[in-house]
Amino acid sequence: MQLLKNCMRKTCIILLWCAALAGYGQELNCVVTVNATQVQTSDRNVFKDMKTNIEQFMNGRKWSNDNFKNYEKINCSMLITISTPNSAAIGSYTASVQVRSARPVFNTNYSSLLFNFADRDWEFEYIESQPLEYNDNTYTANLTSMLAFYAYIIVGLDYDSFSELGGSPYFQKALAIVNNSQASNRAGWQAIGSTRSRYWLLENLNNPQMADVRKAIYSYHRLALDTYDKTPDQSREIILKGLKDIKKARDIIPNSILVISFFDAKGKELTNIFSTGDIQLRRQAYDIMVALDPSNRMYDKIVQD
């Protein structure tokens, strides 16, 4: 009888321990969409399997040493648009992907779009039901290297938004992926070609000359958005200073993909923020935003009385 009681007690302890851990875990809550409407095939199951497998890869792994409660997980998404299978090899695809992540604003139900990046250079192999293999220390497959790269970018930017330059360890992880992947000669991993690539995004994030952009991401979110409901005028001033710092960095590196990505994520939100408040401050913000993101006509709303 005593042995039975001891076993029951140990079982209860294990169950309580597991229940306590159930609220903690991986960092990402990633929703994956695979758009394969351009692909001529009667077998669509491979794309359903691809979606499920990629979601499990992104959400089932730990990308940091921290434990995230369910409500702390980073909401993100990947829209993978497959243009065509590569006829040279079975299971070989070319695609583009839109990667997005959002960050909650304190004491609100609002989530701020933090990362919005279009990668048009996806080349990968995928065989239905085969596991996605990945190792941080070596290049295994282009698909998993690209997925891990964006996982670290998403986590790093999230940390940057909560502490100044807090994402640096994760950008170093992403740098290792870039270095390991260069020998593959696959698109997006090298300095040659388009500046809107994984290589140049990561280069900007690790470049000390672009540190002001990352610092502005912190001040924008932690010092301004998180207090906007209480001190909107002060928050606008903080954001304006950040925009000025971003402009200084852009003047050093005119075609910075990090600056482009910032405005791809923040353009609409910035327009809403500066559509009210002191008109002189709004005009300063407008001038900077038009200079940095000239193709975006929505900014005209900022200076309309």
Protein backbone atom coordinates (compact mmCIF):
# COMPACT_ATOMS: atom_id res chain seq x y z
CA MET A 1 0.00 0.00 0.00
CA GLN A 2 2.79 2.42 0.91
CA LEU A 3 4.54 1.61 -2.39
CA LEU A 4 1.32 2.41 -4.25
CA LYS A 5 1.01 5.73 -2.42
CA ASN A 6 4.60 6.63 -3.26
CA CYS A 7 4.05 5.83 -6.93
CA MET A 8 0.88 7.90 -6.98
CA ARG A 9 2.69 10.80 -5.32
CA LYS A 10 5.53 10.66 -7.88
CA THR A 11 2.99 10.50 -10.70
CA CYS A 12 1.20 13.58 -9.36
CA ILE A 13 4.49 15.47 -9.11
CA ILE A 14 5.37 14.59 -12.71
CA LEU A 15 1.93 15.66 -13.93
CA LEU A 16 2.17 18.95 -12.05
CA TRP A 17 5.63 19.54 -13.44
CA CYS A 18 4.43 18.85 -16.98
CA ALA A 19 1.45 21.15 -16.48
CA ALA A 20 3.76 23.90 -15.29
CA LEU A 21 5.90 23.50 -18.39
CA ALA A 22 2.90 23.42 -20.71
CA GLY A 23 2.62 27.20 -20.56
CA TYR A 24 6.25 27.62 -21.66
CA GLY A 25 8.09 26.72 -24.78
CA GLN A 26 9.03 27.78 -28.24
CA GLU A 27 9.17 31.36 -29.39
CA LEU A 28 7.18 31.41 -32.61
CA ASN A 29 3.54 31.21 -33.55
CA CYS A 30 4.05 31.07 -37.30
CA VAL A 31 1.21 30.65 -39.79
CA VAL A 32 2.36 29.35 -43.16
CA THR A 33 0.46 29.69 -46.42
CA VAL A 34 1.62 27.89 -49.55
CA ASN A 35 0.22 29.36 -52.76
CA ALA A 36 0.80 26.92 -55.60
CA THR A 37 -1.92 28.03 -58.01
CA GLN A 38 0.70 28.64 -60.72
CA VAL A 39 1.87 25.03 -60.56
CA GLN A 40 0.22 22.68 -63.05
CA THR A 41 -0.26 19.39 -61.23
CA SER A 42 -3.13 17.11 -60.25
CA ASP A 43 -1.50 16.14 -56.95
CA ARG A 44 -1.98 19.01 -54.50
CA ASN A 45 -1.23 16.98 -51.37
CA VAL A 46 2.45 17.85 -51.50
CA PHE A 47 1.64 21.51 -50.87
CA LYS A 48 -0.59 20.70 -47.90
CA ASP A 49 2.20 18.55 -46.52
CA MET A 50 4.69 21.35 -47.19
CA LYS A 51 2.61 23.86 -45.22
CA THR A 52 2.23 21.52 -42.24
CA ASN A 53 5.88 20.51 -42.21
CA ILE A 54 7.17 24.10 -42.42
CA GLU A 55 4.85 25.24 -39.62
CA GLN A 56 6.07 22.39 -37.43
CA PHE A 57 9.67 23.32 -38.23
CA MET A 58 9.17 26.98 -37.32
CA ASN A 59 6.96 26.47 -34.27
CA GLY A 60 8.32 23.22 -32.91
CA ARG A 61 11.93 24.29 -32.43
CA LYS A 62 13.50 26.53 -29.82
CA TRP A 63 15.39 29.45 -31.32
CA SER A 64 16.59 31.02 -28.05
CA ASN A 65 17.49 29.97 -24.53
CA ASP A 66 14.42 31.67 -23.08
CA ASN A 67 11.07 30.07 -22.33
CA PHE A 68 8.06 31.84 -23.80
CA LYS A 69 4.59 31.59 -22.34
CA ASN A 70 1.85 31.07 -24.90
CA TYR A 71 0.79 34.71 -24.77
CA GLU A 72 4.42 35.81 -25.26
CA LYS A 73 4.95 33.90 -28.49
CA ILE A 74 5.85 35.97 -31.54
CA ASN A 75 3.05 36.04 -34.07
CA CYS A 76 4.45 35.77 -37.57
CA SER A 77 3.55 34.50 -41.00
CA MET A 78 5.11 33.22 -44.21
CA LEU A 79 3.31 33.42 -47.55
CA ILE A 80 5.18 31.13 -49.93
CA THR A 81 4.22 31.60 -53.57
CA ILE A 82 5.58 28.83 -55.76
CA SER A 83 6.13 30.05 -59.29
CA THR A 84 7.01 26.73 -60.86
CA PRO A 85 8.59 23.39 -60.05
CA ASN A 86 12.06 23.04 -61.50
CA SER A 87 11.79 20.46 -64.27
CA ALA A 88 15.48 19.60 -63.91
CA ALA A 89 14.90 17.72 -60.65
CA ILE A 90 11.97 16.06 -58.92
CA GLY A 91 10.84 18.00 -55.89
CA SER A 92 12.77 21.14 -56.83
CA TYR A 93 10.91 24.47 -56.62
CA THR A 94 11.39 28.17 -57.17
CA ALA A 95 9.30 30.58 -55.13
CA SER A 96 9.01 33.92 -53.40
CA VAL A 97 8.05 34.46 -49.78
CA GLN A 98 6.57 37.32 -47.78
CA VAL A 99 7.72 37.14 -44.17
CA ARG A 100 5.95 39.16 -41.49
CA SER A 101 6.07 39.40 -37.72
CA ALA A 102 4.21 41.54 -35.22
CA ARG A 103 4.78 42.80 -31.69
CA PRO A 104 2.07 43.52 -29.10
CA VAL A 105 1.82 47.05 -27.69
CA PHE A 106 1.62 47.22 -23.89
CA ASN A 107 -1.80 47.69 -22.31
CA THR A 108 -3.61 47.50 -25.66
CA ASN A 109 -5.11 44.90 -27.97
CA TYR A 110 -3.02 46.31 -30.81
CA SER A 111 -0.17 44.48 -32.53
CA SER A 112 2.42 46.51 -34.41
CA LEU A 113 3.85 45.09 -37.63
CA LEU A 114 7.56 44.76 -36.88
CA PHE A 115 8.97 42.94 -39.91
CA ASN A 116 7.70 42.85 -43.48
CA PHE A 117 10.13 41.42 -46.01
CA ALA A 118 9.75 40.02 -49.52
CA ASP A 119 12.32 37.40 -50.49
CA ARG A 120 12.07 36.66 -54.20
CA ASP A 121 15.00 34.23 -54.37
CA TRP A 122 13.73 30.97 -52.91
CA GLU A 123 15.08 27.82 -54.49
CA PHE A 124 14.55 24.61 -52.58
CA GLU A 125 13.90 20.89 -52.69
CA TYR A 126 10.94 19.28 -50.99
CA ILE A 127 9.78 15.67 -51.05
CA GLU A 128 6.44 14.88 -49.45
CA SER A 129 6.63 13.21 -46.01
CA GLN A 130 10.40 13.58 -45.75
CA PRO A 131 11.58 15.22 -42.51
CA LEU A 132 13.09 18.71 -42.62
CA GLU A 133 16.65 18.33 -41.41
CA TYR A 134 18.63 21.23 -39.98
CA ASN A 135 21.81 21.83 -38.02
CA ASP A 136 22.99 25.25 -36.80
CA ASN A 137 26.58 24.34 -37.52
CA THR A 138 26.36 23.14 -41.10
CA TYR A 139 24.46 23.57 -44.36
CA THR A 140 22.03 20.67 -44.77
CA ALA A 141 19.35 21.93 -47.16
CA ASN A 142 18.45 25.27 -48.67
CA LEU A 143 14.86 25.19 -47.41
CA THR A 144 15.72 24.62 -43.77
CA SER A 145 18.59 27.13 -43.91
CA MET A 146 16.18 29.78 -45.22
CA LEU A 147 13.55 28.91 -42.62
CA ALA A 148 16.06 29.00 -39.76
CA PHE A 149 17.48 32.28 -41.09
CA TYR A 150 14.10 33.98 -40.87
CA ALA A 151 13.34 32.41 -37.51
CA TYR A 152 16.46 34.05 -36.08
CA ILE A 153 15.70 37.36 -37.84
CA ILE A 154 12.15 37.39 -36.40
CA VAL A 155 13.35 36.55 -32.90
CA GLY A 156 16.23 39.04 -33.11
CA LEU A 157 14.02 41.92 -34.20
CA ASP A 158 11.55 41.10 -31.45
CA TYR A 159 14.34 41.27 -28.87
CA ASP A 160 15.58 44.52 -30.46
CA SER A 161 12.13 46.03 -29.87
CA PHE A 162 12.25 45.27 -26.14
CA SER A 163 15.88 46.12 -25.34
CA GLU A 164 18.44 48.22 -27.20
CA LEU A 165 20.40 45.96 -29.59
CA GLY A 166 18.96 42.99 -27.72
CA GLY A 167 18.70 40.91 -30.88
CA SER A 168 22.45 40.74 -31.54
CA PRO A 169 22.93 37.09 -30.47
CA TYR A 170 20.24 35.97 -32.92
CA PHE A 171 21.65 38.00 -35.78
CA GLN A 172 24.97 36.27 -35.11
CA LYS A 173 23.13 32.95 -35.44
CA ALA A 174 21.70 34.14 -38.74
CA LEU A 175 25.20 35.20 -39.83
CA ALA A 176 26.44 31.66 -39.28
CA ILE A 177 23.66 30.39 -41.53
CA VAL A 178 24.66 32.86 -44.26
CA ASN A 179 28.31 31.85 -43.99
CA ASN A 180 27.47 28.13 -44.08
CA SER A 181 25.13 28.57 -47.05
CA GLN A 182 27.41 30.55 -49.34
CA ALA A 183 29.20 27.47 -50.66
CA SER A 184 25.86 26.19 -51.98
CA ASN A 185 25.85 28.97 -54.63
CA ARG A 186 22.10 29.31 -54.16
CA ALA A 187 20.47 32.69 -54.72
CA GLY A 188 20.17 35.12 -51.83
CA TRP A 189 23.16 34.07 -49.78
CA GLN A 190 25.88 36.11 -51.48
CA ALA A 191 26.83 39.77 -51.83
CA ILE A 192 26.49 39.73 -55.61
CA GLY A 193 23.14 40.37 -57.22
CA SER A 194 20.21 42.24 -55.71
CA THR A 195 20.67 44.27 -52.52
CA ARG A 196 17.20 43.07 -51.45
CA SER A 197 18.48 39.72 -50.32
CA ARG A 198 19.02 37.68 -47.18
CA TYR A 199 22.73 38.49 -47.35
CA TRP A 200 22.24 42.26 -47.36
CA LEU A 201 19.45 42.21 -44.80
CA LEU A 202 21.74 40.39 -42.40
CA GLU A 203 24.71 42.56 -43.34
CA ASN A 204 22.72 45.67 -42.44
CA LEU A 205 21.58 44.19 -39.12
CA ASN A 206 25.18 43.41 -38.14
CA ASN A 207 26.73 46.58 -39.61
CA PRO A 208 27.77 49.08 -36.86
CA GLN A 209 26.97 51.93 -39.28
CA MET A 210 23.34 50.80 -39.23
CA ALA A 211 23.11 50.43 -35.46
CA ASP A 212 21.03 53.62 -35.24
CA VAL A 213 18.25 51.89 -37.18
CA ARG A 214 18.14 49.07 -34.65
CA LYS A 215 18.25 51.54 -31.77
CA ALA A 216 15.36 53.41 -33.39
CA ILE A 217 13.40 50.15 -33.50
CA TYR A 218 13.82 49.92 -29.72
CA SER A 219 12.89 53.54 -28.98
CA TYR A 220 9.98 53.39 -31.43
CA HIS A 221 8.39 50.38 -29.75
CA ARG A 222 9.48 50.34 -26.12
CA LEU A 223 9.75 54.06 -25.41
CA ALA A 224 7.05 55.39 -27.75
CA LEU A 225 4.37 52.88 -28.76
CA ASP A 226 4.22 51.22 -25.35
CA THR A 227 3.44 54.60 -23.76
CA TYR A 228 1.53 56.19 -26.64
CA ASP A 229 -1.89 55.89 -25.01
CA LYS A 230 -0.68 57.96 -22.02
CA THR A 231 1.76 60.42 -23.62
CA PRO A 232 1.10 60.62 -27.39
CA ASP A 233 2.91 63.93 -27.92
CA GLN A 234 6.05 62.71 -26.18
CA SER A 235 5.84 59.43 -28.12
CA ARG A 236 5.73 61.33 -31.41
CA GLU A 237 8.85 63.27 -30.43
CA ILE A 238 10.68 60.03 -29.63
CA ILE A 239 9.64 58.50 -32.96
CA LEU A 240 10.68 61.66 -34.83
CA LYS A 241 14.15 61.47 -33.27
CA GLY A 242 14.34 57.84 -34.35
CA LEU A 243 13.40 58.80 -37.90
CA LYS A 244 16.18 61.38 -37.92
CA ASP A 245 18.65 58.72 -36.78
CA ILE A 246 17.43 56.33 -39.47
CA LYS A 247 17.99 59.05 -42.06
CA LYS A 248 21.58 59.49 -40.87
CA ALA A 249 22.19 55.77 -41.32
CA ARG A 250 20.51 55.76 -44.74
CA ASP A 251 22.72 58.66 -45.83
CA ILE A 252 25.73 56.44 -45.12
CA ILE A 253 24.27 53.42 -46.94
CA PRO A 254 21.79 54.86 -49.49
CA ASN A 255 20.26 51.56 -50.65
CA SER A 256 19.93 50.00 -47.22
CA ILE A 257 17.46 47.11 -47.34
CA LEU A 258 17.01 47.45 -43.57
CA VAL A 259 15.64 50.98 -44.02
CA ILE A 260 13.40 49.83 -46.87
CA SER A 261 12.12 46.96 -44.76
CA PHE A 262 11.48 49.33 -41.84
CA PHE A 263 9.16 51.50 -43.91
CA ASP A 264 7.52 48.48 -45.54
CA ALA A 265 6.46 47.50 -42.04
CA LYS A 266 5.84 50.92 -40.52
CA GLY A 267 4.56 53.18 -43.32
CA LYS A 268 0.85 52.89 -42.53
CA GLU A 269 1.39 53.04 -38.78
CA LEU A 270 3.61 56.12 -39.03
CA THR A 271 0.98 57.83 -41.15
CA ASN A 272 -1.64 57.23 -38.47
CA ILE A 273 0.67 58.35 -35.67
CA PHE A 274 1.62 61.64 -37.33
CA SER A 275 -1.82 62.46 -38.74
CA THR A 276 -2.60 64.18 -35.43
CA GLY A 277 -0.60 66.31 -33.03
CA ASP A 278 1.57 69.40 -33.44
CA ILE A 279 1.65 70.41 -37.11
CA GLN A 280 5.31 71.52 -37.03
CA LEU A 281 6.39 68.15 -35.70
CA ARG A 282 4.17 66.42 -38.26
CA ARG A 283 5.80 68.36 -41.09
CA GLN A 284 9.25 67.37 -39.89
CA ALA A 285 8.21 63.74 -39.83
CA TYR A 286 6.62 64.05 -43.27
CA ASP A 287 9.77 65.51 -44.83
CA ILE A 288 11.92 62.69 -43.48
CA MET A 289 9.48 59.94 -44.43
CA VAL A 290 9.09 61.25 -47.98
CA ALA A 291 12.87 61.45 -48.32
CA LEU A 292 13.34 57.89 -47.09
CA ASP A 293 10.29 56.30 -48.71
CA PRO A 294 9.48 58.54 -51.71
CA SER A 295 7.18 56.12 -53.53
CA ASN A 296 4.67 55.99 -50.67
CA ARG A 297 1.91 58.52 -51.31
CA MET A 298 -0.03 57.80 -48.13
CA TYR A 299 2.25 60.18 -46.22
CA ASP A 300 0.44 63.15 -47.77
CA LYS A 301 -2.26 62.55 -45.16
CA ILE A 302 0.18 63.68 -42.46
CA VAL A 303 0.26 67.32 -43.58
CA GLN A 304 -3.39 67.65 -44.48
CA ASP A 305 -5.15 70.03 -42.05
